[in-house]
């Protein structure tokens, strides 16, 4: 193969098949994503290997393993597809109008983003916001997501990210639950139902009731009792309904505390390591619709105001 042949680009379908197979390390999963047969994916991968003169996968009984040649260009190839996606978005929507797809943590969407989103939509009626709730960071190229607001530790690879909101944990409950009484210490919680947040955040710094009570010097409360929920928003809603006392993320509970649907029976607040981040492919940062959303988000988070009544 001549040096000119080596410098020419292989077919786009071959590159797409390779990228999908490399991400899944499976021909069948790549085929399912691309809506083709595994044989078609295998054929495209062979075309790529013939073009570059090197194998990109080693095949064993358990699936695929990237060779050094396959791994060498994978990061740049993924960024190239992200740039292509951004370019097509810019062409199709002029980068200003159309749909802005935002992937966001479900509880943050329900308790923080959605109550505020109408102000963005009124300021930018030319942009239709599509909210996609997910606990996982989006695959921007595959899912055609423009920006994401995950809850996590940061350090996201191959994308732009910035922290927008820190988080703390506070006890909250319905004011009716206390019947006008004041809790003098954490030990008074022994007489109340504890609501448990089992959200799959994987943040070791976020306390459960056992950790929180032990830190307060209380070790004789049965922390295994009480309803359990796998979403932070469900824990907050259960507290609003008067079912017990919750350890809530303060960002998510702030609007309900201000509206007196919730009160803080004990003035204890504990910071956690995880936070909310604005995340986007670098190729999309200069799209006007992304710039507008990022600027709006900065304004909302820097002011730390509660949702405004825009009706």
Protein backbone atom coordinates (compact mmCIF):
# COMPACT_ATOMS: atom_id res chain seq x y z
CA UNK A 1 0.00 0.00 0.00
CA UNK A 2 1.41 3.40 -1.00
CA UNK A 3 1.91 6.29 1.43
CA UNK A 4 -0.84 8.15 -0.45
CA UNK A 5 -3.25 5.28 0.19
CA UNK A 6 -2.35 5.31 3.86
CA UNK A 7 -3.13 9.03 4.10
CA UNK A 8 -6.53 8.69 2.45
CA UNK A 9 -9.49 8.29 4.74
CA UNK A 10 -11.22 4.92 5.05
CA UNK A 11 -15.00 4.72 4.48
CA UNK A 12 -17.04 6.50 7.13
CA UNK A 13 -19.14 3.37 7.74
CA UNK A 14 -15.98 1.43 8.53
CA UNK A 15 -14.92 4.04 11.07
CA UNK A 16 -18.39 4.13 12.63
CA UNK A 17 -18.50 0.33 12.90
CA UNK A 18 -15.05 0.26 14.49
CA UNK A 19 -15.93 3.00 17.02
CA UNK A 20 -19.13 1.23 18.07
CA UNK A 21 -17.41 -2.17 18.31
CA UNK A 22 -14.54 -0.63 20.30
CA UNK A 23 -16.95 1.03 22.74
CA UNK A 24 -18.88 -2.18 23.37
CA UNK A 25 -16.01 -4.63 22.70
CA UNK A 26 -18.72 -6.67 21.00
CA UNK A 27 -19.77 -7.05 17.37
CA UNK A 28 -23.32 -8.01 18.32
CA UNK A 29 -23.85 -4.98 20.59
CA UNK A 30 -22.35 -2.68 17.96
CA UNK A 31 -24.64 -4.21 15.35
CA UNK A 32 -27.67 -3.64 17.57
CA UNK A 33 -26.73 0.02 18.05
CA UNK A 34 -26.13 0.57 14.33
CA UNK A 35 -29.20 -1.45 13.33
CA UNK A 36 -27.22 -3.83 11.11
CA UNK A 37 -26.09 -7.44 11.39
CA UNK A 38 -22.95 -8.52 13.25
CA UNK A 39 -21.62 -9.79 9.93
CA UNK A 40 -21.99 -6.29 8.47
CA UNK A 41 -20.05 -4.79 11.37
CA UNK A 42 -17.35 -7.44 11.00
CA UNK A 43 -17.12 -6.68 7.29
CA UNK A 44 -16.70 -2.94 7.91
CA UNK A 45 -14.02 -3.58 10.54
CA UNK A 46 -12.14 -5.79 8.05
CA UNK A 47 -12.35 -3.00 5.46
CA UNK A 48 -10.74 -0.65 7.97
CA UNK A 49 -8.02 -3.17 8.81
CA UNK A 50 -7.33 -3.72 5.10
CA UNK A 51 -7.13 0.03 4.56
CA UNK A 52 -4.61 0.70 7.32
CA UNK A 53 -2.79 -2.60 7.00
CA UNK A 54 -3.07 -3.36 10.72
CA UNK A 55 -5.44 -5.31 12.93
CA UNK A 56 -7.56 -3.17 15.25
CA UNK A 57 -8.97 -6.05 17.30
CA UNK A 58 -7.79 -9.34 18.67
CA UNK A 59 -10.62 -11.84 18.81
CA UNK A 60 -10.88 -14.36 21.62
CA UNK A 61 -13.61 -16.58 22.99
CA UNK A 62 -14.94 -13.84 25.29
CA UNK A 63 -15.19 -11.05 22.71
CA UNK A 64 -12.93 -8.35 21.31
CA UNK A 65 -9.72 -6.82 22.63
CA UNK A 66 -8.28 -3.64 21.17
CA UNK A 67 -4.81 -3.89 19.67
CA UNK A 68 -2.31 -1.08 20.08
CA UNK A 69 -3.26 0.13 16.61
CA UNK A 70 -6.96 0.12 17.47
CA UNK A 71 -6.44 1.96 20.75
CA UNK A 72 -4.07 4.54 19.25
CA UNK A 73 -6.65 6.44 17.26
CA UNK A 74 -9.83 5.70 19.20
CA UNK A 75 -9.93 8.88 21.31
CA UNK A 76 -9.37 11.17 18.31
CA UNK A 77 -11.94 9.20 16.31
CA UNK A 78 -14.58 9.67 19.01
CA UNK A 79 -13.81 13.38 19.15
CA UNK A 80 -14.09 13.52 15.35
CA UNK A 81 -17.56 11.97 15.47
CA UNK A 82 -18.53 14.48 18.17
CA UNK A 83 -17.34 17.28 15.86
CA UNK A 84 -19.31 15.80 12.97
CA UNK A 85 -22.43 15.61 15.13
CA UNK A 86 -21.96 19.21 16.23
CA UNK A 87 -21.45 20.31 12.64
CA UNK A 88 -24.65 18.63 11.50
CA UNK A 89 -26.52 20.15 14.44
CA UNK A 90 -25.21 23.57 13.45
CA UNK A 91 -26.21 23.06 9.82
CA UNK A 92 -29.62 21.65 10.62
CA UNK A 93 -30.56 24.16 13.29
CA UNK A 94 -28.14 27.00 12.44
CA UNK A 95 -26.73 26.37 15.88
CA UNK A 96 -29.29 28.72 17.38
CA UNK A 97 -32.75 27.24 17.10
CA UNK A 98 -34.31 23.81 17.27
CA UNK A 99 -33.87 21.29 20.05
CA UNK A 100 -31.40 21.48 22.91
CA UNK A 101 -31.13 18.04 24.49
CA UNK A 102 -30.11 18.13 28.15
CA UNK A 103 -29.26 14.93 30.02
CA UNK A 104 -29.72 15.47 33.73
CA UNK A 105 -29.86 13.54 36.99
CA UNK A 106 -33.55 12.64 37.60
CA UNK A 107 -33.99 14.20 41.05
CA UNK A 108 -32.16 17.36 40.02
CA UNK A 109 -34.45 17.59 37.01
CA UNK A 110 -37.60 17.23 39.10
CA UNK A 111 -36.71 19.41 42.08
CA UNK A 112 -34.38 22.06 40.63
CA UNK A 113 -34.27 22.30 36.83
CA UNK A 114 -37.92 21.94 35.80
CA UNK A 115 -39.27 24.58 38.24
CA UNK A 116 -36.81 27.08 36.72
CA UNK A 117 -36.83 26.04 33.07
CA UNK A 118 -39.73 28.24 32.02
CA UNK A 119 -37.57 31.33 32.50
CA UNK A 120 -35.07 29.98 29.94
CA UNK A 121 -37.84 29.05 27.52
CA UNK A 122 -39.34 32.54 27.75
CA UNK A 123 -35.96 34.14 27.15
CA UNK A 124 -35.22 31.80 24.24
CA UNK A 125 -38.52 30.78 22.57
CA UNK A 126 -36.58 29.66 19.49
CA UNK A 127 -35.01 26.79 21.47
CA UNK A 128 -37.00 23.69 22.43
CA UNK A 129 -35.46 22.03 25.48
CA UNK A 130 -35.60 18.24 25.57
CA UNK A 131 -34.89 16.95 29.10
CA UNK A 132 -33.57 13.40 29.28
CA UNK A 133 -33.36 12.09 32.86
CA UNK A 134 -30.52 9.63 33.50
CA UNK A 135 -28.23 8.66 36.35
CA UNK A 136 -25.42 7.94 33.88
CA UNK A 137 -23.31 10.48 32.03
CA UNK A 138 -24.62 10.64 28.47
CA UNK A 139 -22.82 9.26 25.45
CA UNK A 140 -22.95 12.56 23.59
CA UNK A 141 -22.32 11.18 20.10
CA UNK A 142 -24.57 8.14 20.30
CA UNK A 143 -27.46 9.76 22.21
CA UNK A 144 -27.24 13.13 20.40
CA UNK A 145 -27.13 14.95 23.71
CA UNK A 146 -25.95 18.57 23.67
CA UNK A 147 -25.21 19.16 27.36
CA UNK A 148 -25.47 17.18 30.58
CA UNK A 149 -25.91 18.07 34.25
CA UNK A 150 -24.72 14.99 36.15
CA UNK A 151 -24.33 14.58 39.90
CA UNK A 152 -20.92 13.17 40.59
CA UNK A 153 -17.27 13.62 41.46
CA UNK A 154 -16.21 15.51 38.32
CA UNK A 155 -13.10 14.54 36.38
CA UNK A 156 -15.07 13.61 33.27
CA UNK A 157 -12.79 12.49 30.44
CA UNK A 158 -12.67 13.90 26.91
CA UNK A 159 -15.32 16.59 27.55
CA UNK A 160 -15.55 20.10 28.98
CA UNK A 161 -16.94 20.26 32.53
CA UNK A 162 -17.35 22.84 35.30
CA UNK A 163 -18.90 22.65 38.77
CA UNK A 164 -22.14 24.60 39.05
CA UNK A 165 -23.50 23.65 42.49
CA UNK A 166 -22.02 22.08 45.59
CA UNK A 167 -24.23 19.89 47.77
CA UNK A 168 -24.88 19.34 51.47
CA UNK A 169 -27.16 16.98 53.40
CA UNK A 170 -29.73 18.24 55.94
CA UNK A 171 -32.54 16.62 57.98
CA UNK A 172 -36.00 17.74 56.80
CA UNK A 173 -39.60 16.88 57.58
CA UNK A 174 -43.11 18.23 57.22
CA UNK A 175 -43.98 20.95 59.78
CA UNK A 176 -47.15 18.98 60.61
CA UNK A 177 -45.04 16.00 61.65
CA UNK A 178 -43.62 17.91 64.62
CA UNK A 179 -47.00 19.27 65.84
CA UNK A 180 -45.32 22.50 66.89
CA UNK A 181 -42.65 20.72 68.93
CA UNK A 182 -38.95 21.56 68.67
CA UNK A 183 -36.32 18.84 68.52
CA UNK A 184 -33.61 19.69 71.01
CA UNK A 185 -31.08 17.13 69.78
CA UNK A 186 -30.52 14.30 67.35
CA UNK A 187 -31.59 11.85 70.07
CA UNK A 188 -35.18 13.12 69.70
CA UNK A 189 -35.26 11.48 66.27
CA UNK A 190 -35.65 8.12 68.03
CA UNK A 191 -39.38 8.84 68.32
CA UNK A 192 -39.83 9.58 64.60
CA UNK A 193 -39.84 7.48 61.43
CA UNK A 194 -36.62 7.76 59.46
CA UNK A 195 -36.84 7.97 55.66
CA UNK A 196 -33.89 6.46 53.79
CA UNK A 197 -32.31 7.68 50.55
CA UNK A 198 -30.86 4.68 48.69
CA UNK A 199 -29.98 6.66 45.55
CA UNK A 200 -27.22 4.89 43.58
CA UNK A 201 -24.84 7.87 43.76
CA UNK A 202 -21.81 5.91 45.01
CA UNK A 203 -20.64 8.90 47.06
CA UNK A 204 -18.90 7.56 50.19
CA UNK A 205 -18.97 11.03 51.77
CA UNK A 206 -22.78 11.20 51.70
CA UNK A 207 -24.08 10.04 55.10
CA UNK A 208 -26.91 7.62 55.68
CA UNK A 209 -28.86 7.80 58.92
CA UNK A 210 -26.47 5.45 60.71
CA UNK A 211 -23.45 7.62 59.80
CA UNK A 212 -25.28 10.88 60.58
CA UNK A 213 -26.55 9.76 63.98
CA UNK A 214 -23.20 8.29 65.04
CA UNK A 215 -21.52 11.58 64.10
CA UNK A 216 -24.07 13.28 66.37
CA UNK A 217 -23.16 10.92 69.21
CA UNK A 218 -26.33 8.81 68.97
CA UNK A 219 -25.90 5.05 68.62
CA UNK A 220 -29.09 3.62 70.12
CA UNK A 221 -31.58 4.43 67.32
CA UNK A 222 -32.77 1.58 65.09
CA UNK A 223 -31.60 2.85 61.69
CA UNK A 224 -32.77 -0.26 59.82
CA UNK A 225 -36.43 0.68 60.16
CA UNK A 226 -38.35 3.04 57.88
CA UNK A 227 -39.27 3.40 54.20
CA UNK A 228 -36.50 3.36 51.59
CA UNK A 229 -36.34 5.08 48.18
CA UNK A 230 -33.94 4.89 45.24
CA UNK A 231 -34.39 8.52 44.15
CA UNK A 232 -33.64 11.60 46.24
CA UNK A 233 -36.77 13.36 44.96
CA UNK A 234 -38.94 10.51 46.27
CA UNK A 235 -37.42 10.84 49.74
CA UNK A 236 -38.23 14.56 49.73
CA UNK A 237 -41.80 14.01 48.53
CA UNK A 238 -42.31 11.38 51.22
CA UNK A 239 -41.12 13.85 53.85
CA UNK A 240 -43.52 16.49 52.51
CA UNK A 241 -46.35 13.98 52.93
CA UNK A 242 -45.47 13.65 56.61
CA UNK A 243 -44.20 10.08 56.49
CA UNK A 244 -41.07 10.79 58.50
CA UNK A 245 -37.75 12.65 58.65
CA UNK A 246 -35.42 12.52 55.65
CA UNK A 247 -31.75 13.23 55.15
CA UNK A 248 -32.14 15.37 52.04
CA UNK A 249 -29.78 17.02 49.60
CA UNK A 250 -30.17 20.71 50.39
CA UNK A 251 -30.13 21.86 46.76
CA UNK A 252 -33.07 19.60 46.00
CA UNK A 253 -35.01 20.49 49.16
CA UNK A 254 -34.40 24.27 49.09
CA UNK A 255 -37.60 25.26 47.27
CA UNK A 256 -39.78 23.13 49.55
CA UNK A 257 -38.07 24.56 52.65
CA UNK A 258 -38.66 28.11 51.43
CA UNK A 259 -42.32 27.30 50.71
CA UNK A 260 -42.67 25.80 54.23
CA UNK A 261 -43.61 22.43 52.84
CA UNK A 262 -40.54 21.24 54.71
CA UNK A 263 -38.72 22.41 57.82
CA UNK A 264 -35.30 21.59 59.23
CA UNK A 265 -35.97 20.09 62.67
CA UNK A 266 -32.27 20.14 63.56
CA UNK A 267 -29.90 22.83 62.25
CA UNK A 268 -27.16 20.46 61.17
CA UNK A 269 -25.69 20.54 57.67
CA UNK A 270 -23.01 18.24 56.31
CA UNK A 271 -21.15 18.88 53.01
CA UNK A 272 -20.56 15.99 50.61
CA UNK A 273 -17.92 15.45 47.95
CA UNK A 274 -20.26 15.09 44.97
CA UNK A 275 -21.65 18.12 43.15
CA UNK A 276 -23.61 19.09 40.05
CA UNK A 277 -21.63 19.79 36.88
CA UNK A 278 -22.22 21.35 33.49
CA UNK A 279 -20.75 18.92 30.94
CA UNK A 280 -20.57 19.22 27.14
CA UNK A 281 -18.40 18.07 24.25
CA UNK A 282 -15.86 20.77 23.43
CA UNK A 283 -17.09 20.68 19.84
CA UNK A 284 -20.49 21.99 20.99
CA UNK A 285 -19.39 24.74 23.36
CA UNK A 286 -19.56 27.42 20.65
CA UNK A 287 -23.07 26.56 19.47
CA UNK A 288 -25.25 29.58 20.31
CA UNK A 289 -27.96 27.42 21.88
CA UNK A 290 -25.39 25.80 24.18
CA UNK A 291 -23.86 29.20 25.03
CA UNK A 292 -27.34 30.55 25.89
CA UNK A 293 -28.16 27.60 28.14
CA UNK A 294 -24.79 27.70 29.88
CA UNK A 295 -25.10 31.44 30.57
CA UNK A 296 -28.63 30.99 31.88
CA UNK A 297 -27.52 28.08 34.09
CA UNK A 298 -24.66 30.16 35.50
CA UNK A 299 -27.06 32.94 36.38
CA UNK A 300 -29.45 30.56 38.13
CA UNK A 301 -26.76 28.78 40.14
CA UNK A 302 -24.72 31.85 41.06
CA UNK A 303 -27.75 33.70 42.39
CA UNK A 304 -28.92 30.62 44.33
CA UNK A 305 -32.41 32.10 44.24
CA UNK A 306 -35.44 29.87 44.46
CA UNK A 307 -37.63 29.35 41.37
CA UNK A 308 -39.32 32.55 40.30
CA UNK A 309 -43.03 32.80 39.62
CA UNK A 310 -43.01 33.63 35.92
CA UNK A 311 -46.70 33.09 35.28
